[in-house]
């Protein structure tokens, strides 16, 4: 939980990555501002002895900003697409069907072998599950 926000069930790890990135961002911002204030208080600019550390802190802050946004983007993308259909390669379906049927068809006489039967069943499953969309799989409204 972060400021009362409960992450989507099953995506807690992605949310925790974002929380960690935000904490790192806060630390980087604090260090950046602290060095900037110190340089300003001493009336310095790019000739100040702390200027190289200030530039390093600025770079670290910029990296922390990118990371916090990318972790948030990863979390929101994963949650938005949690119910998207995922196509399974026909080879995997065929292997599962062949393994499932191999010991159950011993008593029956077939004129085709288990591999060919498994392949045809896999093709039928793949066709039935992919007939709904012609072309690209359906996307959520944000991604269309």
Protein backbone atom coordinates (compact mmCIF):
# COMPACT_ATOMS: atom_id res chain seq x y z
CA UNK A 1 0.00 0.00 0.00
CA UNK A 2 1.24 3.49 -0.85
CA UNK A 3 -0.64 6.52 0.47
CA UNK A 4 -3.80 4.43 0.83
CA UNK A 5 -3.59 2.95 -2.68
CA UNK A 6 -4.13 -0.79 -2.95
CA UNK A 7 -2.46 -2.27 -6.04
CA UNK A 8 -4.38 -4.55 -8.36
CA UNK A 9 -4.26 -8.15 -7.06
CA UNK A 10 -1.49 -10.07 -8.79
CA UNK A 11 0.45 -6.93 -9.68
CA UNK A 12 1.85 -6.13 -6.24
CA UNK A 13 5.45 -6.71 -7.36
CA UNK A 14 5.13 -4.19 -10.20
CA UNK A 15 3.58 -1.68 -7.83
CA UNK A 16 6.36 -2.25 -5.29
CA UNK A 17 8.93 -1.51 -8.01
CA UNK A 18 7.18 1.80 -8.62
CA UNK A 19 7.10 2.64 -4.90
CA UNK A 20 10.83 1.88 -4.65
CA UNK A 21 11.50 4.10 -7.67
CA UNK A 22 9.48 6.95 -6.16
CA UNK A 23 11.42 6.69 -2.90
CA UNK A 24 14.68 6.80 -4.86
CA UNK A 25 13.33 9.81 -6.77
CA UNK A 26 12.61 11.61 -3.52
CA UNK A 27 16.14 10.93 -2.27
CA UNK A 28 17.69 12.09 -5.54
CA UNK A 29 15.60 15.29 -5.47
CA UNK A 30 16.63 15.98 -1.87
CA UNK A 31 20.32 15.58 -2.69
CA UNK A 32 19.99 17.72 -5.83
CA UNK A 33 18.23 20.55 -4.00
CA UNK A 34 20.60 20.39 -1.02
CA UNK A 35 23.65 20.81 -3.25
CA UNK A 36 21.97 23.58 -5.25
CA UNK A 37 21.04 25.48 -2.10
CA UNK A 38 24.57 25.12 -0.74
CA UNK A 39 26.08 26.47 -3.96
CA UNK A 40 23.60 29.36 -4.04
CA UNK A 41 24.21 30.21 -0.38
CA UNK A 42 27.93 30.51 -1.02
CA UNK A 43 27.31 32.73 -4.05
CA UNK A 44 28.77 30.25 -6.49
CA UNK A 45 27.89 29.08 -9.92
CA UNK A 46 29.63 26.76 -12.34
CA UNK A 47 32.99 27.75 -10.84
CA UNK A 48 32.01 26.49 -7.37
CA UNK A 49 33.95 23.49 -6.04
CA UNK A 50 30.69 21.53 -5.55
CA UNK A 51 29.53 22.11 -9.13
CA UNK A 52 30.67 18.68 -10.44
CA UNK A 53 28.78 16.96 -7.59
CA UNK A 54 25.76 19.13 -8.40
CA UNK A 55 25.85 17.98 -12.03
CA UNK A 56 26.11 14.35 -10.89
CA UNK A 57 23.14 14.88 -8.57
CA UNK A 58 21.20 16.43 -11.44
CA UNK A 59 21.93 13.43 -13.65
CA UNK A 60 20.93 11.03 -10.86
CA UNK A 61 17.70 12.97 -10.38
CA UNK A 62 16.88 12.83 -14.11
CA UNK A 63 17.50 9.08 -14.13
CA UNK A 64 15.28 8.65 -11.07
CA UNK A 65 12.50 10.62 -12.79
CA UNK A 66 12.71 8.39 -15.87
CA UNK A 67 12.71 5.24 -13.75
CA UNK A 68 9.71 6.33 -11.68
CA UNK A 69 7.69 7.10 -14.80
CA UNK A 70 8.74 3.88 -16.52
CA UNK A 71 7.79 1.76 -13.49
CA UNK A 72 4.41 3.51 -13.27
CA UNK A 73 3.92 3.00 -17.01
CA UNK A 74 4.80 -0.69 -16.67
CA UNK A 75 2.32 -1.14 -13.85
CA UNK A 76 -0.54 0.67 -15.60
CA UNK A 77 0.12 -1.16 -18.88
CA UNK A 78 0.13 -4.55 -17.16
CA UNK A 79 -3.10 -3.80 -15.30
CA UNK A 80 -4.81 -2.42 -18.41
CA UNK A 81 -3.92 -5.55 -20.39
CA UNK A 82 -4.50 -8.19 -17.74
CA UNK A 83 -7.57 -9.54 -19.54
CA UNK A 84 -6.17 -9.40 -23.08
CA UNK A 85 -6.30 -12.63 -25.02
CA UNK A 86 -2.95 -14.26 -25.56
CA UNK A 87 -2.44 -16.44 -28.60
CA UNK A 88 -0.80 -19.78 -27.95
CA UNK A 89 1.44 -21.19 -30.68
CA UNK A 90 -0.05 -24.20 -32.42
CA UNK A 91 3.07 -26.27 -31.69
CA UNK A 92 2.46 -25.94 -27.95
CA UNK A 93 -1.21 -26.89 -28.27
CA UNK A 94 -0.27 -29.86 -30.45
CA UNK A 95 2.31 -31.07 -27.91
CA UNK A 96 -0.20 -30.86 -25.06
CA UNK A 97 -2.89 -32.67 -27.07
CA UNK A 98 -0.50 -35.41 -28.19
CA UNK A 99 0.72 -35.93 -24.61
CA UNK A 100 -2.86 -36.02 -23.35
CA UNK A 101 -4.03 -38.49 -25.97
CA UNK A 102 -0.97 -40.75 -26.21
CA UNK A 103 -1.85 -43.09 -23.32
CA UNK A 104 -5.64 -42.84 -23.67
CA UNK A 105 -6.00 -44.14 -27.21
CA UNK A 106 -4.25 -47.48 -26.79
CA UNK A 107 -7.49 -49.46 -26.80
CA UNK A 108 -8.88 -47.78 -29.91
CA UNK A 109 -7.87 -48.58 -33.45
CA UNK A 110 -7.09 -45.52 -35.57
CA UNK A 111 -5.94 -45.30 -39.11
CA UNK A 112 -4.01 -42.11 -38.25
CA UNK A 113 -1.21 -41.86 -35.76
CA UNK A 114 -1.40 -39.88 -32.50
CA UNK A 115 0.80 -37.10 -33.88
CA UNK A 116 -1.45 -36.42 -36.85
CA UNK A 117 -4.57 -36.62 -34.69
CA UNK A 118 -3.01 -34.27 -32.13
CA UNK A 119 -2.07 -31.86 -34.88
CA UNK A 120 -5.60 -31.78 -36.28
CA UNK A 121 -7.11 -31.30 -32.81
CA UNK A 122 -4.62 -28.50 -32.12
CA UNK A 123 -5.54 -26.81 -35.40
CA UNK A 124 -9.22 -27.04 -34.52
CA UNK A 125 -8.65 -25.58 -31.06
CA UNK A 126 -6.51 -22.79 -32.47
CA UNK A 127 -9.10 -22.04 -35.18
CA UNK A 128 -11.99 -21.96 -32.68
CA UNK A 129 -10.15 -19.71 -30.24
CA UNK A 130 -8.83 -17.31 -32.86
CA UNK A 131 -11.89 -17.02 -35.12
CA UNK A 132 -13.31 -14.17 -33.04
CA UNK A 133 -10.74 -11.67 -34.22
CA UNK A 134 -9.70 -11.41 -37.80
CA UNK A 135 -6.19 -10.03 -37.74
CA UNK A 136 -4.96 -8.22 -34.64
CA UNK A 137 -6.10 -9.33 -31.19
CA UNK A 138 -8.55 -7.00 -29.44
CA UNK A 139 -6.90 -4.20 -27.48
CA UNK A 140 -8.18 -2.10 -24.63
CA UNK A 141 -9.53 1.36 -25.43
CA UNK A 142 -6.31 3.12 -24.37
CA UNK A 143 -4.19 1.17 -26.84
CA UNK A 144 -6.36 1.40 -29.93
